[in-house]
Amino acid sequence: MGKKYFLLLLLFCIVAASQIGCFELNKKTLRVGTNVWPGYETLYLAKHLGFIPNNIKLIELMSATDVMEAFRLNRLEVAALTMDEAMTLVAEGIDLSVFLVMDVSNGGDKLIARADIIKLPDLKGKTIAYEQTALGALMLHEVMHASELNIEDVTLVHLKINQQLEAFANGSVDALITFEPVATQLLQFNGEVIFDSSHIPNTIVDVLVARKDTLRNHRNLIKILVNGQSKALSAIADSRTMSLEIMSKRMGLTAEQLNIAMRGIHYPSIIENQTLLKSNSDLYDTVERLNTILFNANIIDRPVDPNLFFDDTFVKP
């Protein structure tokens, strides 16, 4: 019976090969989850320009919290996350690897406060909202350290990124830990930036991650995704005006607003990625620093081994 079934399947493949290809039947779709952030927008530019095929699906969720949960539930094969968020998933027991560094925030993540809050110590007694992710906790830790305040000196509110604009506009919070494009939108409500990620260089790094079995089983699609993002970076370098127009429309910003926002973000090339993801790079030091911060903040209960965290396979020539 088994032999008969095999012969029937083989016959079907031969007949169908001219139309769909025998092994097309087993081709899987790669689902890539992101939230709104200029650092991830290069993926959508790549899709718009045809560098990413239809069987790689870009799925934009409302927040990083939602992306992490979808990844936990295996509703995504690939997730765009900050490195600290990826480390949180590893500490939970998910066997994943970083296979591409998308960007490094150098001012794109911000603390925005009401106009009467001029400097960090003025936050004492105020209400600060942040997203309850590793990134939110990391930024909060750095803000508290820089302000020389304790957590007990402020009131904390957990808000997802898609809830922040309304909360600031109606005055229910005094300050927000946020990022682009919401940061630019908040400034329209007379918000003031009093701290940003340029004060903590090379700390907030956005990456693409996948489970290690996904990397084994979807090697070709992962490589296509990486190359597509690289081509999008080249398109920005060659035709920045056109690229900004395409990306800004999707993000709800003007081209000039997005251009300003992108000045606070560094987009490593695929060649830079080869250096960043190799053994004992500067990112290894960043992971060790984040291990300490996240452990002390009770975000992770065990350190993440950087030697098991990075995979440079897909950025190699």
C-alpha atoms as a PDB file:
ATOM      1  CA  MET A   1       0.000   0.000   0.000  1.00  0.00           C
ATOM      2  CA  GLY A   2       2.826   2.331   0.881  1.00  0.00           C
ATOM      3  CA  LYS A   3       4.593   1.613  -2.415  1.00  0.00           C
ATOM      4  CA  LYS A   4       1.399   2.272  -4.368  1.00  0.00           C
ATOM      5  CA  TYR A   5       0.922   5.610  -2.599  1.00  0.00           C
ATOM      6  CA  PHE A   6       4.512   6.596  -3.348  1.00  0.00           C
ATOM      7  CA  LEU A   7       4.119   5.759  -7.042  1.00  0.00           C
ATOM      8  CA  LEU A   8       0.899   7.767  -7.263  1.00  0.00           C
ATOM      9  CA  LEU A   9       2.594  10.754  -5.611  1.00  0.00           C
ATOM     10  CA  LEU A  10       5.573  10.459  -7.933  1.00  0.00           C
ATOM     11  CA  LEU A  11       3.248  10.311 -10.958  1.00  0.00           C
ATOM     12  CA  PHE A  12       1.416  13.418  -9.730  1.00  0.00           C
ATOM     13  CA  CYS A  13       4.712  15.271  -9.342  1.00  0.00           C
ATOM     14  CA  ILE A  14       5.775  14.367 -12.871  1.00  0.00           C
ATOM     15  CA  VAL A  15       2.475  15.553 -14.318  1.00  0.00           C
ATOM     16  CA  ALA A  16       2.446  18.751 -12.249  1.00  0.00           C
ATOM     17  CA  ALA A  17       6.132  19.599 -12.602  1.00  0.00           C
ATOM     18  CA  SER A  18       5.670  21.771 -15.669  1.00  0.00           C
ATOM     19  CA  GLN A  19       3.179  23.963 -13.774  1.00  0.00           C
ATOM     20  CA  ILE A  20       4.271  24.158 -10.147  1.00  0.00           C
ATOM     21  CA  GLY A  21       7.403  21.998  -9.822  1.00  0.00           C
ATOM     22  CA  CYS A  22       7.341  18.765  -7.868  1.00  0.00           C
ATOM     23  CA  PHE A  23       9.032  20.112  -4.775  1.00  0.00           C
ATOM     24  CA  GLU A  24       6.956  23.284  -4.719  1.00  0.00           C
ATOM     25  CA  LEU A  25       4.436  21.182  -2.802  1.00  0.00           C
ATOM     26  CA  ASN A  26       6.723  21.217   0.225  1.00  0.00           C
ATOM     27  CA  LYS A  27       7.733  24.868   0.091  1.00  0.00           C
ATOM     28  CA  LYS A  28       6.875  26.682   3.332  1.00  0.00           C
ATOM     29  CA  THR A  29       6.078  30.270   4.037  1.00  0.00           C
ATOM     30  CA  LEU A  30       8.299  32.338   6.309  1.00  0.00           C
ATOM     31  CA  ARG A  31       6.356  34.641   8.629  1.00  0.00           C
ATOM     32  CA  VAL A  32       8.346  37.647   9.848  1.00  0.00           C
ATOM     33  CA  GLY A  33       6.897  39.673  12.729  1.00  0.00           C
ATOM     34  CA  THR A  34       7.690  43.333  13.422  1.00  0.00           C
ATOM     35  CA  ASN A  35       6.237  46.329  15.183  1.00  0.00           C
ATOM     36  CA  VAL A  36       6.389  49.866  13.799  1.00  0.00           C
ATOM     37  CA  TRP A  37       9.958  51.224  14.011  1.00  0.00           C
ATOM     38  CA  PRO A  38      12.115  52.908  11.345  1.00  0.00           C
ATOM     39  CA  GLY A  39      14.822  50.309  11.912  1.00  0.00           C
ATOM     40  CA  TYR A  40      12.489  47.573  10.665  1.00  0.00           C
ATOM     41  CA  GLU A  41      11.077  49.621   7.813  1.00  0.00           C
ATOM     42  CA  THR A  42      13.847  48.489   5.478  1.00  0.00           C
ATOM     43  CA  LEU A  43      12.094  45.104   5.336  1.00  0.00           C
ATOM     44  CA  TYR A  44       8.912  46.724   4.057  1.00  0.00           C
ATOM     45  CA  LEU A  45      10.898  48.764   1.545  1.00  0.00           C
ATOM     46  CA  ALA A  46      12.503  45.527   0.353  1.00  0.00           C
ATOM     47  CA  LYS A  47       9.055  43.977  -0.035  1.00  0.00           C
ATOM     48  CA  HIS A  48       7.764  47.056  -1.908  1.00  0.00           C
ATOM     49  CA  LEU A  49      10.719  46.971  -4.308  1.00  0.00           C
ATOM     50  CA  GLY A  50      10.338  43.267  -4.992  1.00  0.00           C
ATOM     51  CA  PHE A  51      13.468  42.116  -3.159  1.00  0.00           C
ATOM     52  CA  ILE A  52      11.434  39.860  -0.834  1.00  0.00           C
ATOM     53  CA  PRO A  53       9.158  37.252  -2.489  1.00  0.00           C
ATOM     54  CA  ASN A  54       5.532  36.528  -1.618  1.00  0.00           C
ATOM     55  CA  ASN A  55       6.285  33.419   0.417  1.00  0.00           C
ATOM     56  CA  ILE A  56       8.070  35.618   2.955  1.00  0.00           C
ATOM     57  CA  LYS A  57       5.195  37.307   4.787  1.00  0.00           C
ATOM     58  CA  LEU A  58       5.840  40.510   6.732  1.00  0.00           C
ATOM     59  CA  ILE A  59       3.412  40.743   9.649  1.00  0.00           C
ATOM     60  CA  GLU A  60       3.237  44.065  11.478  1.00  0.00           C
ATOM     61  CA  LEU A  61       1.879  43.834  15.025  1.00  0.00           C
ATOM     62  CA  MET A  62       0.891  46.627  17.389  1.00  0.00           C
ATOM     63  CA  SER A  63       3.832  46.338  19.784  1.00  0.00           C
ATOM     64  CA  ALA A  64       6.998  44.445  20.638  1.00  0.00           C
ATOM     65  CA  THR A  65       5.006  42.697  23.364  1.00  0.00           C
ATOM     66  CA  ASP A  66       2.723  41.287  20.673  1.00  0.00           C
ATOM     67  CA  VAL A  67       5.675  40.221  18.498  1.00  0.00           C
ATOM     68  CA  MET A  68       7.279  38.370  21.399  1.00  0.00           C
ATOM     69  CA  GLU A  69       4.046  36.586  22.285  1.00  0.00           C
ATOM     70  CA  ALA A  70       3.411  35.555  18.669  1.00  0.00           C
ATOM     71  CA  PHE A  71       6.956  34.187  18.472  1.00  0.00           C
ATOM     72  CA  ARG A  72       6.491  32.259  21.726  1.00  0.00           C
ATOM     73  CA  LEU A  73       3.360  30.653  20.294  1.00  0.00           C
ATOM     74  CA  ASN A  74       5.125  29.676  17.043  1.00  0.00           C
ATOM     75  CA  ARG A  75       2.927  31.991  15.003  1.00  0.00           C
ATOM     76  CA  LEU A  76       6.087  33.558  13.572  1.00  0.00           C
ATOM     77  CA  GLU A  77       9.220  31.943  12.191  1.00  0.00           C
ATOM     78  CA  VAL A  78      11.234  35.172  12.434  1.00  0.00           C
ATOM     79  CA  ALA A  79      10.898  38.067  14.859  1.00  0.00           C
ATOM     80  CA  ALA A  80      12.342  41.577  14.758  1.00  0.00           C
ATOM     81  CA  LEU A  81      13.254  42.468  18.335  1.00  0.00           C
ATOM     82  CA  THR A  82      15.731  44.427  20.368  1.00  0.00           C
ATOM     83  CA  MET A  83      18.643  42.302  21.491  1.00  0.00           C
ATOM     84  CA  ASP A  84      17.561  42.515  25.130  1.00  0.00           C
ATOM     85  CA  GLU A  85      14.079  41.266  24.166  1.00  0.00           C
ATOM     86  CA  ALA A  86      15.664  38.366  22.284  1.00  0.00           C
ATOM     87  CA  MET A  87      17.778  37.597  25.345  1.00  0.00           C
ATOM     88  CA  THR A  88      14.608  37.464  27.425  1.00  0.00           C
ATOM     89  CA  LEU A  89      13.207  34.759  25.154  1.00  0.00           C
ATOM     90  CA  VAL A  90      16.463  32.785  25.373  1.00  0.00           C
ATOM     91  CA  ALA A  91      16.339  33.000  29.171  1.00  0.00           C
ATOM     92  CA  GLU A  92      12.805  31.593  28.977  1.00  0.00           C
ATOM     93  CA  GLY A  93      14.216  28.524  27.252  1.00  0.00           C
ATOM     94  CA  ILE A  94      13.580  29.308  23.563  1.00  0.00           C
ATOM     95  CA  ASP A  95      16.468  28.042  21.449  1.00  0.00           C
ATOM     96  CA  LEU A  96      16.931  30.967  19.053  1.00  0.00           C
ATOM     97  CA  SER A  97      19.760  32.766  17.308  1.00  0.00           C
ATOM     98  CA  VAL A  98      20.385  36.303  16.086  1.00  0.00           C
ATOM     99  CA  PHE A  99      21.134  36.071  12.358  1.00  0.00           C
ATOM    100  CA  LEU A 100      21.033  39.752  11.332  1.00  0.00           C
ATOM    101  CA  VAL A 101      21.622  43.082  13.051  1.00  0.00           C
ATOM    102  CA  MET A 102      19.007  45.435  11.629  1.00  0.00           C
ATOM    103  CA  ASP A 103      20.028  48.665  13.331  1.00  0.00           C
ATOM    104  CA  VAL A 104      21.635  50.308  16.333  1.00  0.00           C
ATOM    105  CA  SER A 105      19.659  53.012  18.094  1.00  0.00           C
ATOM    106  CA  ASN A 106      21.673  56.178  18.598  1.00  0.00           C
ATOM    107  CA  GLY A 107      18.893  58.509  19.655  1.00  0.00           C
ATOM    108  CA  GLY A 108      15.842  56.764  18.205  1.00  0.00           C
ATOM    109  CA  ASP A 109      14.668  55.586  21.641  1.00  0.00           C
ATOM    110  CA  LYS A 110      13.660  58.482  23.869  1.00  0.00           C
ATOM    111  CA  LEU A 111      12.233  59.699  27.133  1.00  0.00           C
ATOM    112  CA  ILE A 112       9.741  62.433  26.263  1.00  0.00           C
ATOM    113  CA  ALA A 113       8.264  64.577  29.017  1.00  0.00           C
ATOM    114  CA  ARG A 114       5.830  67.465  29.390  1.00  0.00           C
ATOM    115  CA  ALA A 115       7.397  70.820  28.584  1.00  0.00           C
ATOM    116  CA  ASP A 116       7.600  71.863  32.259  1.00  0.00           C
ATOM    117  CA  ILE A 117       9.862  68.889  33.035  1.00  0.00           C
ATOM    118  CA  ILE A 118      13.195  70.277  31.922  1.00  0.00           C
ATOM    119  CA  LYS A 119      15.792  67.878  33.336  1.00  0.00           C
ATOM    120  CA  LEU A 120      15.855  64.319  34.599  1.00  0.00           C
ATOM    121  CA  PRO A 121      15.727  65.074  38.366  1.00  0.00           C
ATOM    122  CA  ASP A 122      12.436  66.905  37.691  1.00  0.00           C
ATOM    123  CA  LEU A 123      10.861  63.474  37.182  1.00  0.00           C
ATOM    124  CA  LYS A 124      10.674  62.974  40.945  1.00  0.00           C
ATOM    125  CA  GLY A 125       7.047  62.497  41.935  1.00  0.00           C
ATOM    126  CA  LYS A 126       5.942  62.230  38.303  1.00  0.00           C
ATOM    127  CA  THR A 127       4.241  59.430  36.355  1.00  0.00           C
ATOM    128  CA  ILE A 128       6.379  57.642  33.750  1.00  0.00           C
ATOM    129  CA  ALA A 129       4.847  55.250  31.228  1.00  0.00           C
ATOM    130  CA  TYR A 130       6.802  52.517  29.454  1.00  0.00           C
ATOM    131  CA  GLU A 131       6.161  49.262  27.641  1.00  0.00           C
ATOM    132  CA  GLN A 132       6.660  46.242  29.877  1.00  0.00           C
ATOM    133  CA  THR A 133       9.352  44.622  27.748  1.00  0.00           C
ATOM    134  CA  ALA A 134      13.063  44.160  28.244  1.00  0.00           C
ATOM    135  CA  LEU A 135      13.645  47.290  26.159  1.00  0.00           C
ATOM    136  CA  GLY A 136      11.265  49.329  28.299  1.00  0.00           C
ATOM    137  CA  ALA A 137      12.918  48.060  31.465  1.00  0.00           C
ATOM    138  CA  LEU A 138      16.373  48.750  30.041  1.00  0.00           C
ATOM    139  CA  MET A 139      15.544  52.343  29.134  1.00  0.00           C
ATOM    140  CA  LEU A 140      13.888  52.864  32.519  1.00  0.00           C
ATOM    141  CA  HIS A 141      17.002  51.531  34.244  1.00  0.00           C
ATOM    142  CA  GLU A 142      19.218  53.937  32.314  1.00  0.00           C
ATOM    143  CA  VAL A 143      16.898  56.901  32.951  1.00  0.00           C
ATOM    144  CA  MET A 144      16.843  56.204  36.684  1.00  0.00           C
ATOM    145  CA  HIS A 145      20.611  55.822  36.743  1.00  0.00           C
ATOM    146  CA  ALA A 146      21.161  59.079  34.848  1.00  0.00           C
ATOM    147  CA  SER A 147      18.644  61.003  36.971  1.00  0.00           C
ATOM    148  CA  GLU A 148      20.038  59.589  40.258  1.00  0.00           C
ATOM    149  CA  LEU A 149      16.471  58.774  41.255  1.00  0.00           C
ATOM    150  CA  ASN A 150      15.075  55.533  42.652  1.00  0.00           C
ATOM    151  CA  ILE A 151      12.070  53.657  41.324  1.00  0.00           C
ATOM    152  CA  GLU A 152      10.235  54.659  44.497  1.00  0.00           C
ATOM    153  CA  ASP A 153      10.624  58.323  43.498  1.00  0.00           C
ATOM    154  CA  VAL A 154       8.299  57.950  40.493  1.00  0.00           C
ATOM    155  CA  THR A 155       4.988  56.343  39.592  1.00  0.00           C
ATOM    156  CA  LEU A 156       5.249  53.768  36.824  1.00  0.00           C
ATOM    157  CA  VAL A 157       2.543  52.893  34.307  1.00  0.00           C
ATOM    158  CA  HIS A 158       2.733  50.081  31.754  1.00  0.00           C
ATOM    159  CA  LEU A 159       1.588  51.146  28.285  1.00  0.00           C
ATOM    160  CA  LYS A 160       2.115  49.423  24.959  1.00  0.00           C
ATOM    161  CA  ILE A 161       3.539  51.636  22.243  1.00  0.00           C
ATOM    162  CA  ASN A 162       0.139  51.934  20.513  1.00  0.00           C
ATOM    163  CA  GLN A 163      -1.421  53.295  23.718  1.00  0.00           C
ATOM    164  CA  GLN A 164       1.135  55.988  24.417  1.00  0.00           C
ATOM    165  CA  LEU A 165       0.001  58.807  22.162  1.00  0.00           C
ATOM    166  CA  GLU A 166      -3.488  58.979  23.644  1.00  0.00           C
ATOM    167  CA  ALA A 167      -2.178  58.821  27.223  1.00  0.00           C
ATOM    168  CA  PHE A 168       0.218  61.713  26.668  1.00  0.00           C
ATOM    169  CA  ALA A 169      -2.353  63.768  24.778  1.00  0.00           C
ATOM    170  CA  ASN A 170      -4.947  63.475  27.556  1.00  0.00           C
ATOM    171  CA  GLY A 171      -2.412  64.284  30.286  1.00  0.00           C
ATOM    172  CA  SER A 172      -2.683  61.002  32.184  1.00  0.00           C
ATOM    173  CA  VAL A 173       1.126  60.582  32.196  1.00  0.00           C
ATOM    174  CA  ASP A 174       3.965  63.058  32.661  1.00  0.00           C
ATOM    175  CA  ALA A 175       6.630  61.272  30.658  1.00  0.00           C
ATOM    176  CA  LEU A 176       6.976  58.351  28.280  1.00  0.00           C
ATOM    177  CA  ILE A 177       9.759  55.960  27.338  1.00  0.00           C
ATOM    178  CA  THR A 178       9.092  55.579  23.656  1.00  0.00           C
ATOM    179  CA  PHE A 179      10.600  55.320  20.181  1.00  0.00           C
ATOM    180  CA  GLU A 180      10.024  56.385  16.600  1.00  0.00           C
ATOM    181  CA  PRO A 181       7.605  57.067  14.947  1.00  0.00           C
ATOM    182  CA  VAL A 182       5.563  57.662  18.120  1.00  0.00           C
ATOM    183  CA  ALA A 183       8.338  59.903  19.472  1.00  0.00           C
ATOM    184  CA  THR A 184       7.960  62.347  16.571  1.00  0.00           C
ATOM    185  CA  GLN A 185       4.184  62.324  16.997  1.00  0.00           C
ATOM    186  CA  LEU A 186       4.497  63.057  20.731  1.00  0.00           C
ATOM    187  CA  LEU A 187       6.586  66.136  20.041  1.00  0.00           C
ATOM    188  CA  GLN A 188       3.527  67.633  18.341  1.00  0.00           C
ATOM    189  CA  PHE A 189       1.860  67.679  21.778  1.00  0.00           C
ATOM    190  CA  ASN A 190       4.601  69.913  23.203  1.00  0.00           C
ATOM    191  CA  GLY A 191       6.659  67.026  24.505  1.00  0.00           C
ATOM    192  CA  GLU A 192      10.369  67.511  25.141  1.00  0.00           C
ATOM    193  CA  VAL A 193      13.141  64.953  24.784  1.00  0.00           C
ATOM    194  CA  ILE A 194      15.142  64.874  28.007  1.00  0.00           C
ATOM    195  CA  PHE A 195      16.983  61.562  27.467  1.00  0.00           C
ATOM    196  CA  ASP A 196      17.642  59.313  24.482  1.00  0.00           C
ATOM    197  CA  SER A 197      19.656  56.290  23.420  1.00  0.00           C
ATOM    198  CA  SER A 198      22.576  58.415  22.226  1.00  0.00           C
ATOM    199  CA  HIS A 199      23.494  58.596  25.934  1.00  0.00           C
ATOM    200  CA  ILE A 200      23.893  54.803  26.007  1.00  0.00           C
ATOM    201  CA  PRO A 201      25.687  54.033  22.701  1.00  0.00           C
ATOM    202  CA  ASN A 202      25.682  50.484  21.299  1.00  0.00           C
ATOM    203  CA  THR A 203      23.206  49.326  23.945  1.00  0.00           C
ATOM    204  CA  ILE A 204      19.904  49.173  22.048  1.00  0.00           C
ATOM    205  CA  VAL A 205      20.434  46.911  19.067  1.00  0.00           C
ATOM    206  CA  ASP A 206      17.598  45.660  16.847  1.00  0.00           C
ATOM    207  CA  VAL A 207      17.995  42.189  15.418  1.00  0.00           C
ATOM    208  CA  LEU A 208      16.248  39.449  13.472  1.00  0.00           C
ATOM    209  CA  VAL A 209      15.946  36.140  15.322  1.00  0.00           C
ATOM    210  CA  ALA A 210      14.676  32.668  14.540  1.00  0.00           C
ATOM    211  CA  ARG A 211      14.617  29.344  16.304  1.00  0.00           C
ATOM    212  CA  LYS A 212      17.625  27.245  15.399  1.00  0.00           C
ATOM    213  CA  ASP A 213      15.487  24.575  13.745  1.00  0.00           C
ATOM    214  CA  THR A 214      13.928  27.301  11.579  1.00  0.00           C
ATOM    215  CA  LEU A 215      17.388  28.398  10.491  1.00  0.00           C
ATOM    216  CA  ARG A 216      18.174  24.805   9.525  1.00  0.00           C
ATOM    217  CA  ASN A 217      14.886  24.139   7.732  1.00  0.00           C
ATOM    218  CA  HIS A 218      14.476  27.491   5.952  1.00  0.00           C
ATOM    219  CA  ARG A 219      18.056  28.283   4.973  1.00  0.00           C
ATOM    220  CA  ASN A 220      17.215  29.525   1.480  1.00  0.00           C
ATOM    221  CA  LEU A 221      14.361  31.774   2.585  1.00  0.00           C
ATOM    222  CA  ILE A 222      16.411  33.215   5.462  1.00  0.00           C
ATOM    223  CA  LYS A 223      19.237  34.014   3.028  1.00  0.00           C
ATOM    224  CA  ILE A 224      16.748  35.666   0.644  1.00  0.00           C
ATOM    225  CA  LEU A 225      15.372  37.746   3.529  1.00  0.00           C
ATOM    226  CA  VAL A 226      18.858  38.888   4.564  1.00  0.00           C
ATOM    227  CA  ASN A 227      19.846  39.736   0.998  1.00  0.00           C
ATOM    228  CA  GLY A 228      16.552  41.570   0.448  1.00  0.00           C
ATOM    229  CA  GLN A 229      17.156  43.803   3.443  1.00  0.00           C
ATOM    230  CA  SER A 230      20.686  44.481   2.204  1.00  0.00           C
ATOM    231  CA  LYS A 231      19.333  45.510  -1.196  1.00  0.00           C
ATOM    232  CA  ALA A 232      16.894  47.868   0.540  1.00  0.00           C
ATOM    233  CA  LEU A 233      19.811  49.568   2.306  1.00  0.00           C
ATOM    234  CA  SER A 234      21.478  50.014  -1.081  1.00  0.00           C
ATOM    235  CA  ALA A 235      18.260  51.517  -2.453  1.00  0.00           C
ATOM    236  CA  ILE A 236      18.204  54.045   0.394  1.00  0.00           C
ATOM    237  CA  ALA A 237      21.826  54.973  -0.305  1.00  0.00           C
ATOM    238  CA  ASP A 238      21.221  55.317  -4.045  1.00  0.00           C
ATOM    239  CA  SER A 239      17.734  56.867  -3.998  1.00  0.00           C
ATOM    240  CA  ARG A 240      17.119  58.285  -0.545  1.00  0.00           C
ATOM    241  CA  THR A 241      14.332  60.677  -1.588  1.00  0.00           C
ATOM    242  CA  MET A 242      12.335  57.932  -3.291  1.00  0.00           C
ATOM    243  CA  SER A 243      12.936  55.514  -0.405  1.00  0.00           C
ATOM    244  CA  LEU A 244      11.850  58.050   2.209  1.00  0.00           C
ATOM    245  CA  GLU A 245       8.640  58.726   0.288  1.00  0.00           C
ATOM    246  CA  ILE A 246       7.796  55.025   0.195  1.00  0.00           C
ATOM    247  CA  MET A 247       8.632  54.339   3.846  1.00  0.00           C
ATOM    248  CA  SER A 248       7.131  57.509   5.343  1.00  0.00           C
ATOM    249  CA  LYS A 249       3.688  56.875   3.830  1.00  0.00           C
ATOM    250  CA  ARG A 250       3.489  53.495   5.536  1.00  0.00           C
ATOM    251  CA  MET A 251       4.615  54.935   8.872  1.00  0.00           C
ATOM    252  CA  GLY A 252       2.296  57.925   8.932  1.00  0.00           C
ATOM    253  CA  LEU A 253       5.120  60.460   8.873  1.00  0.00           C
ATOM    254  CA  THR A 254       6.253  63.030   6.351  1.00  0.00           C
ATOM    255  CA  ALA A 255       9.395  62.192   4.424  1.00  0.00           C
ATOM    256  CA  GLU A 256      11.246  64.942   6.302  1.00  0.00           C
ATOM    257  CA  GLN A 257      10.083  63.636   9.699  1.00  0.00           C
ATOM    258  CA  LEU A 258      11.283  60.153   8.821  1.00  0.00           C
ATOM    259  CA  ASN A 259      14.571  61.531   7.530  1.00  0.00           C
ATOM    260  CA  ILE A 260      15.136  63.251  10.885  1.00  0.00           C
ATOM    261  CA  ALA A 261      14.107  60.131  12.816  1.00  0.00           C
ATOM    262  CA  MET A 262      16.547  57.972  10.854  1.00  0.00           C
ATOM    263  CA  ARG A 263      19.443  60.212  11.871  1.00  0.00           C
ATOM    264  CA  GLY A 264      19.210  58.595  15.309  1.00  0.00           C
ATOM    265  CA  ILE A 265      19.528  55.099  13.862  1.00  0.00           C
ATOM    266  CA  HIS A 266      22.512  53.319  12.333  1.00  0.00           C
ATOM    267  CA  TYR A 267      21.782  50.591   9.776  1.00  0.00           C
ATOM    268  CA  PRO A 268      24.722  48.161   9.576  1.00  0.00           C
ATOM    269  CA  SER A 269      25.493  46.816   6.109  1.00  0.00           C
ATOM    270  CA  ILE A 270      25.818  43.110   5.460  1.00  0.00           C
ATOM    271  CA  ILE A 271      29.606  43.583   5.581  1.00  0.00           C
ATOM    272  CA  GLU A 272      29.333  45.237   8.992  1.00  0.00           C
ATOM    273  CA  ASN A 273      27.130  42.350  10.077  1.00  0.00           C
ATOM    274  CA  GLN A 274      29.920  39.934   9.261  1.00  0.00           C
ATOM    275  CA  THR A 275      32.054  41.699  11.868  1.00  0.00           C
ATOM    276  CA  LEU A 276      29.259  42.236  14.397  1.00  0.00           C
ATOM    277  CA  LEU A 277      28.111  38.611  14.447  1.00  0.00           C
ATOM    278  CA  LYS A 278      31.503  36.929  14.505  1.00  0.00           C
ATOM    279  CA  SER A 279      32.980  35.538  17.710  1.00  0.00           C
ATOM    280  CA  ASN A 280      34.181  37.999  20.354  1.00  0.00           C
ATOM    281  CA  SER A 281      32.867  41.097  18.579  1.00  0.00           C
ATOM    282  CA  ASP A 282      31.733  44.205  20.422  1.00  0.00           C
ATOM    283  CA  LEU A 283      28.216  42.717  20.537  1.00  0.00           C
ATOM    284  CA  TYR A 284      29.511  40.005  22.848  1.00  0.00           C
ATOM    285  CA  ASP A 285      30.452  42.718  25.324  1.00  0.00           C
ATOM    286  CA  THR A 286      27.003  44.267  24.912  1.00  0.00           C
ATOM    287  CA  VAL A 287      25.354  40.932  25.741  1.00  0.00           C
ATOM    288  CA  GLU A 288      27.443  40.597  28.887  1.00  0.00           C
ATOM    289  CA  ARG A 289      26.490  44.125  29.976  1.00  0.00           C
ATOM    290  CA  LEU A 290      22.829  43.441  29.266  1.00  0.00           C
ATOM    291  CA  ASN A 291      23.064  40.178  31.218  1.00  0.00           C
ATOM    292  CA  THR A 292      23.921  42.192  34.316  1.00  0.00           C
ATOM    293  CA  ILE A 293      21.252  44.853  33.779  1.00  0.00           C
ATOM    294  CA  LEU A 294      18.460  42.403  32.923  1.00  0.00           C
ATOM    295  CA  PHE A 295      19.339  40.047  35.779  1.00  0.00           C
ATOM    296  CA  ASN A 296      19.409  42.871  38.328  1.00  0.00           C
ATOM    297  CA  ALA A 297      16.048  44.093  36.992  1.00  0.00           C
ATOM    298  CA  ASN A 298      14.606  40.553  37.359  1.00  0.00           C
ATOM    299  CA  ILE A 299      13.942  40.373  33.612  1.00  0.00           C
ATOM    300  CA  ILE A 300      16.053  37.224  33.197  1.00  0.00           C
ATOM    301  CA  ASP A 301      16.935  34.579  35.776  1.00  0.00           C
ATOM    302  CA  ARG A 302      20.066  33.287  34.060  1.00  0.00           C
ATOM    303  CA  PRO A 303      22.719  34.807  31.791  1.00  0.00           C
ATOM    304  CA  VAL A 304      22.655  34.357  28.034  1.00  0.00           C
ATOM    305  CA  ASP A 305      25.784  32.848  26.501  1.00  0.00           C
ATOM    306  CA  PRO A 306      26.781  35.056  23.539  1.00  0.00           C
ATOM    307  CA  ASN A 307      28.668  32.128  22.001  1.00  0.00           C
ATOM    308  CA  LEU A 308      25.316  30.378  21.478  1.00  0.00           C
ATOM    309  CA  PHE A 309      23.345  33.522  20.656  1.00  0.00           C
ATOM    310  CA  PHE A 310      24.772  34.716  17.330  1.00  0.00           C
ATOM    311  CA  ASP A 311      24.800  33.001  13.935  1.00  0.00           C
ATOM    312  CA  ASP A 312      26.825  34.683  11.188  1.00  0.00           C
ATOM    313  CA  THR A 313      26.040  32.004   8.577  1.00  0.00           C
ATOM    314  CA  PHE A 314      23.536  34.092   6.622  1.00  0.00           C
ATOM    315  CA  VAL A 315      25.596  37.264   6.306  1.00  0.00           C
ATOM    316  CA  LYS A 316      28.636  35.522   4.888  1.00  0.00           C
ATOM    317  CA  PRO A 317      29.302  35.854   1.133  1.00  0.00           C
END
